[in-house]
Amino acid sequence: MIQPSYSRLIDHINRVNKELELPEVLSRYSLVQAIAKRARALVDGELPLVETKEGTKELSIAIDEMLHDKIGVYTAEPEPIITESADYGSMAIVDLNAEYEEEE
């Protein structure tokens, strides 16, 4: 079971988005897709934005980044986007539409 719950993550993201005057995230799918894309970026070599213990899985790191306002989710027509940092100052954008090549 994912910890924290989807509901808590969506509430957290929507609270941050409201402060930044961004649209609410209503879909669990958007949340899961954003976390999965960030986890894939970590697998592909991007550095974590939060402190981690050795052996922590990339999916857990992505969720922790979201809880610590290092990444956020906002909906831009028509696809959701995941971004770094709640203040969106020096953020990197992970394109949810990007295709990832499978490793052989």
N, C-alpha and C. Protein backbone atom coordinates (compact mmCIF):
# COMPACT_ATOMS: atom_id res chain seq x y z
N MET A 1 0.84 -1.18 0.00
CA MET A 1 0.00 0.00 0.00
C MET A 1 0.88 1.24 0.00
N ILE A 2 0.50 2.20 -0.81
CA ILE A 2 1.28 3.44 -0.91
C ILE A 2 1.08 4.27 0.36
N GLN A 3 2.18 4.78 0.87
CA GLN A 3 2.13 5.66 2.03
C GLN A 3 2.85 6.95 1.67
N PRO A 4 2.29 8.06 1.78
CA PRO A 4 0.93 8.36 2.25
C PRO A 4 -0.12 7.98 1.20
N SER A 5 -1.37 8.12 1.57
CA SER A 5 -2.46 7.73 0.68
C SER A 5 -2.57 8.69 -0.50
N TYR A 6 -3.24 8.22 -1.55
CA TYR A 6 -3.49 9.08 -2.71
C TYR A 6 -4.22 10.34 -2.28
N SER A 7 -5.20 10.18 -1.40
CA SER A 7 -5.98 11.33 -0.96
C SER A 7 -5.11 12.38 -0.30
N ARG A 8 -4.18 11.94 0.55
CA ARG A 8 -3.30 12.90 1.22
C ARG A 8 -2.39 13.59 0.21
N LEU A 9 -1.87 12.85 -0.75
CA LEU A 9 -1.01 13.45 -1.78
C LEU A 9 -1.77 14.46 -2.62
N ILE A 10 -2.98 14.09 -3.05
CA ILE A 10 -3.79 15.01 -3.85
C ILE A 10 -4.14 16.26 -3.04
N ASP A 11 -4.50 16.09 -1.78
CA ASP A 11 -4.80 17.25 -0.92
C ASP A 11 -3.59 18.16 -0.80
N HIS A 12 -2.42 17.56 -0.62
CA HIS A 12 -1.18 18.34 -0.49
C HIS A 12 -0.90 19.13 -1.78
N ILE A 13 -0.95 18.45 -2.91
CA ILE A 13 -0.70 19.10 -4.19
C ILE A 13 -1.71 20.22 -4.43
N ASN A 14 -2.97 19.97 -4.14
CA ASN A 14 -3.99 20.99 -4.38
C ASN A 14 -3.83 22.19 -3.45
N ARG A 15 -3.35 21.96 -2.23
CA ARG A 15 -3.10 23.08 -1.32
C ARG A 15 -1.99 23.98 -1.90
N VAL A 16 -0.92 23.35 -2.37
CA VAL A 16 0.18 24.10 -2.98
C VAL A 16 -0.29 24.80 -4.26
N ASN A 17 -1.03 24.07 -5.09
CA ASN A 17 -1.52 24.66 -6.33
C ASN A 17 -2.45 25.85 -6.07
N LYS A 18 -3.28 25.75 -5.02
CA LYS A 18 -4.17 26.86 -4.69
C LYS A 18 -3.38 28.11 -4.32
N GLU A 19 -2.31 27.92 -3.52
CA GLU A 19 -1.45 29.05 -3.15
C GLU A 19 -0.80 29.69 -4.37
N LEU A 20 -0.49 28.88 -5.37
CA LEU A 20 0.17 29.34 -6.59
C LEU A 20 -0.82 29.69 -7.69
N GLU A 21 -2.12 29.62 -7.35
CA GLU A 21 -3.20 29.92 -8.28
C GLU A 21 -3.13 29.05 -9.54
N LEU A 22 -2.88 27.76 -9.31
CA LEU A 22 -2.87 26.76 -10.38
C LEU A 22 -4.10 25.88 -10.24
N PRO A 23 -4.52 25.23 -11.31
CA PRO A 23 -5.71 24.36 -11.25
C PRO A 23 -5.52 23.18 -10.31
N GLU A 24 -6.65 22.72 -9.77
CA GLU A 24 -6.63 21.54 -8.91
C GLU A 24 -6.32 20.28 -9.71
N VAL A 25 -5.73 19.31 -9.02
CA VAL A 25 -5.52 17.99 -9.60
C VAL A 25 -6.63 17.11 -9.03
N LEU A 26 -7.47 16.60 -9.89
CA LEU A 26 -8.62 15.82 -9.43
C LEU A 26 -8.45 14.33 -9.69
N SER A 27 -7.50 13.98 -10.49
CA SER A 27 -7.38 12.60 -10.95
C SER A 27 -6.23 11.87 -10.28
N ARG A 28 -6.53 10.70 -9.73
CA ARG A 28 -5.46 9.84 -9.20
C ARG A 28 -4.50 9.45 -10.31
N TYR A 29 -5.05 9.27 -11.49
CA TYR A 29 -4.23 8.88 -12.63
C TYR A 29 -3.15 9.93 -12.89
N SER A 30 -3.50 11.21 -12.84
CA SER A 30 -2.51 12.27 -13.06
C SER A 30 -1.42 12.21 -12.00
N LEU A 31 -1.81 11.97 -10.78
CA LEU A 31 -0.86 11.88 -9.68
C LEU A 31 0.08 10.69 -9.88
N VAL A 32 -0.48 9.53 -10.17
CA VAL A 32 0.32 8.32 -10.37
C VAL A 32 1.24 8.49 -11.57
N GLN A 33 0.73 9.07 -12.65
CA GLN A 33 1.53 9.28 -13.85
C GLN A 33 2.70 10.21 -13.56
N ALA A 34 2.46 11.28 -12.83
CA ALA A 34 3.52 12.23 -12.50
C ALA A 34 4.59 11.58 -11.63
N ILE A 35 4.18 10.83 -10.62
CA ILE A 35 5.15 10.17 -9.74
C ILE A 35 5.94 9.13 -10.53
N ALA A 36 5.27 8.39 -11.39
CA ALA A 36 5.96 7.37 -12.19
C ALA A 36 6.97 8.01 -13.14
N LYS A 37 6.63 9.11 -13.76
CA LYS A 37 7.57 9.80 -14.66
C LYS A 37 8.78 10.30 -13.89
N ARG A 38 8.56 10.85 -12.69
CA ARG A 38 9.69 11.32 -11.89
C ARG A 38 10.56 10.15 -11.45
N ALA A 39 9.93 9.06 -11.05
CA ALA A 39 10.69 7.87 -10.65
C ALA A 39 11.53 7.36 -11.82
N ARG A 40 10.96 7.39 -13.01
CA ARG A 40 11.72 6.96 -14.19
C ARG A 40 12.91 7.88 -14.43
N ALA A 41 12.73 9.18 -14.24
CA ALA A 41 13.84 10.12 -14.40
C ALA A 41 14.95 9.81 -13.39
N LEU A 42 14.57 9.43 -12.18
CA LEU A 42 15.56 9.05 -11.17
C LEU A 42 16.29 7.78 -11.58
N VAL A 43 15.56 6.81 -12.11
CA VAL A 43 16.18 5.58 -12.59
C VAL A 43 17.17 5.90 -13.71
N ASP A 44 16.82 6.87 -14.55
CA ASP A 44 17.67 7.25 -15.67
C ASP A 44 18.84 8.13 -15.27
N GLY A 45 19.00 8.41 -13.97
CA GLY A 45 20.19 9.09 -13.53
C GLY A 45 20.04 10.47 -12.92
N GLU A 46 18.82 11.03 -12.92
CA GLU A 46 18.65 12.33 -12.27
C GLU A 46 18.86 12.18 -10.77
N LEU A 47 19.38 13.22 -10.16
CA LEU A 47 19.66 13.17 -8.73
C LEU A 47 18.40 13.47 -7.93
N PRO A 48 18.24 12.81 -6.78
CA PRO A 48 17.10 13.09 -5.91
C PRO A 48 17.15 14.53 -5.39
N LEU A 49 15.99 15.10 -5.16
CA LEU A 49 15.87 16.47 -4.65
C LEU A 49 15.70 16.49 -3.14
N VAL A 50 15.67 15.32 -2.53
CA VAL A 50 15.56 15.19 -1.08
C VAL A 50 16.64 14.22 -0.61
N GLU A 51 16.95 14.28 0.68
CA GLU A 51 17.91 13.33 1.23
C GLU A 51 17.29 11.94 1.23
N THR A 52 18.11 10.95 0.87
CA THR A 52 17.62 9.58 0.83
C THR A 52 18.59 8.65 1.54
N LYS A 53 18.06 7.55 1.98
CA LYS A 53 18.90 6.50 2.55
C LYS A 53 19.27 5.55 1.42
N GLU A 54 20.41 4.91 1.55
CA GLU A 54 20.84 3.96 0.55
C GLU A 54 19.80 2.84 0.44
N GLY A 55 19.49 2.48 -0.78
CA GLY A 55 18.53 1.41 -1.02
C GLY A 55 17.09 1.87 -1.15
N THR A 56 16.84 3.16 -0.98
CA THR A 56 15.47 3.67 -1.14
C THR A 56 15.08 3.60 -2.61
N LYS A 57 13.92 3.06 -2.88
CA LYS A 57 13.44 2.91 -4.24
C LYS A 57 13.06 4.26 -4.85
N GLU A 58 13.21 4.34 -6.15
CA GLU A 58 12.95 5.59 -6.86
C GLU A 58 11.51 6.07 -6.70
N LEU A 59 10.57 5.15 -6.66
CA LEU A 59 9.17 5.53 -6.48
C LEU A 59 8.97 6.19 -5.12
N SER A 60 9.60 5.66 -4.08
CA SER A 60 9.51 6.24 -2.74
C SER A 60 10.16 7.61 -2.70
N ILE A 61 11.26 7.77 -3.42
CA ILE A 61 11.93 9.07 -3.48
C ILE A 61 11.02 10.09 -4.16
N ALA A 62 10.39 9.71 -5.26
CA ALA A 62 9.49 10.63 -5.98
C ALA A 62 8.33 11.07 -5.09
N ILE A 63 7.76 10.14 -4.33
CA ILE A 63 6.66 10.49 -3.42
C ILE A 63 7.17 11.43 -2.34
N ASP A 64 8.34 11.15 -1.79
CA ASP A 64 8.92 12.00 -0.76
C ASP A 64 9.20 13.41 -1.31
N GLU A 65 9.67 13.49 -2.54
CA GLU A 65 9.90 14.79 -3.17
C GLU A 65 8.59 15.58 -3.27
N MET A 66 7.52 14.89 -3.60
CA MET A 66 6.23 15.56 -3.71
C MET A 66 5.76 16.06 -2.35
N LEU A 67 5.94 15.26 -1.31
CA LEU A 67 5.52 15.68 0.04
C LEU A 67 6.35 16.83 0.58
N HIS A 68 7.59 16.96 0.10
CA HIS A 68 8.47 18.04 0.55
C HIS A 68 8.51 19.20 -0.44
N ASP A 69 7.49 19.28 -1.29
CA ASP A 69 7.33 20.39 -2.24
C ASP A 69 8.52 20.58 -3.17
N LYS A 70 9.18 19.49 -3.50
CA LYS A 70 10.27 19.55 -4.47
C LYS A 70 9.77 19.30 -5.88
N ILE A 71 8.67 18.58 -6.00
CA ILE A 71 7.98 18.42 -7.27
C ILE A 71 6.51 18.67 -7.02
N GLY A 72 5.82 19.05 -8.06
CA GLY A 72 4.39 19.31 -7.96
C GLY A 72 3.73 18.84 -9.23
N VAL A 73 2.43 18.88 -9.25
CA VAL A 73 1.65 18.48 -10.41
C VAL A 73 0.68 19.61 -10.72
N TYR A 74 0.65 19.99 -11.97
CA TYR A 74 -0.41 20.88 -12.37
C TYR A 74 -0.89 20.43 -13.73
N THR A 75 -2.13 20.75 -14.05
CA THR A 75 -2.73 20.30 -15.29
C THR A 75 -2.67 21.42 -16.29
N ALA A 76 -2.02 21.15 -17.39
CA ALA A 76 -2.02 22.06 -18.53
C ALA A 76 -2.73 21.32 -19.64
N GLU A 77 -3.59 21.96 -20.34
CA GLU A 77 -4.36 21.28 -21.37
C GLU A 77 -3.46 20.62 -22.38
N PRO A 78 -3.66 19.40 -22.76
CA PRO A 78 -4.58 18.46 -22.14
C PRO A 78 -3.89 17.51 -21.18
N GLU A 79 -2.56 17.55 -21.08
CA GLU A 79 -1.80 16.57 -20.30
C GLU A 79 -1.27 17.16 -19.00
N PRO A 80 -1.17 16.35 -17.92
CA PRO A 80 -0.56 16.82 -16.68
C PRO A 80 0.96 16.94 -16.82
N ILE A 81 1.54 17.85 -16.05
CA ILE A 81 2.97 18.09 -16.06
C ILE A 81 3.48 17.95 -14.64
N ILE A 82 4.67 17.42 -14.49
CA ILE A 82 5.31 17.36 -13.17
C ILE A 82 6.47 18.34 -13.18
N THR A 83 6.61 19.10 -12.11
CA THR A 83 7.65 20.10 -12.06
C THR A 83 8.41 20.02 -10.76
N GLU A 84 9.56 20.59 -10.75
CA GLU A 84 10.42 20.63 -9.58
C GLU A 84 10.11 21.89 -8.79
N SER A 85 10.02 21.80 -7.50
CA SER A 85 9.92 22.91 -6.57
C SER A 85 8.55 23.58 -6.56
N ALA A 86 8.00 23.72 -5.40
CA ALA A 86 6.68 24.33 -5.26
C ALA A 86 6.70 25.80 -5.63
N ASP A 87 7.84 26.47 -5.50
CA ASP A 87 7.88 27.88 -5.87
C ASP A 87 8.12 28.06 -7.37
N TYR A 88 8.39 26.98 -8.07
CA TYR A 88 8.59 26.97 -9.50
C TYR A 88 9.65 27.97 -9.96
N GLY A 89 10.59 28.29 -9.06
CA GLY A 89 11.65 29.23 -9.38
C GLY A 89 12.64 28.69 -10.38
N SER A 90 13.47 27.78 -9.96
CA SER A 90 14.48 27.23 -10.86
C SER A 90 14.14 25.78 -11.15
N MET A 91 12.93 25.57 -11.63
CA MET A 91 12.45 24.21 -11.78
C MET A 91 12.89 23.57 -13.09
N ALA A 92 12.90 22.27 -13.06
CA ALA A 92 13.08 21.48 -14.26
C ALA A 92 11.73 20.85 -14.55
N ILE A 93 11.38 20.78 -15.81
CA ILE A 93 10.08 20.22 -16.17
C ILE A 93 10.29 18.83 -16.73
N VAL A 94 9.53 17.90 -16.22
CA VAL A 94 9.53 16.54 -16.74
C VAL A 94 8.30 16.44 -17.63
N ASP A 95 8.51 16.24 -18.90
CA ASP A 95 7.42 16.18 -19.87
C ASP A 95 6.75 14.82 -19.80
N LEU A 96 5.50 14.80 -19.42
CA LEU A 96 4.77 13.54 -19.31
C LEU A 96 4.45 12.94 -20.67
N ASN A 97 4.63 13.71 -21.72
CA ASN A 97 4.37 13.20 -23.07
C ASN A 97 5.61 12.57 -23.67
N ALA A 98 6.76 12.70 -23.01
CA ALA A 98 8.01 12.18 -23.56
C ALA A 98 7.99 10.66 -23.62
N GLU A 99 8.61 10.15 -24.62
CA GLU A 99 8.73 8.70 -24.78
C GLU A 99 10.07 8.27 -24.19
N TYR A 100 10.08 7.17 -23.45
CA TYR A 100 11.29 6.62 -22.90
C TYR A 100 11.62 5.33 -23.64
N GLU A 101 12.88 5.20 -24.01
CA GLU A 101 13.29 3.99 -24.71
C GLU A 101 13.50 2.88 -23.68
N GLU A 102 13.08 1.69 -24.04
CA GLU A 102 13.28 0.54 -23.18
C GLU A 102 14.73 0.09 -23.26
N GLU A 103 15.32 -0.24 -22.11
CA GLU A 103 16.68 -0.75 -22.09
C GLU A 103 16.65 -2.22 -22.44
N GLU A 104 17.67 -2.66 -23.16
CA GLU A 104 17.73 -4.07 -23.56
C GLU A 104 18.63 -4.83 -22.63
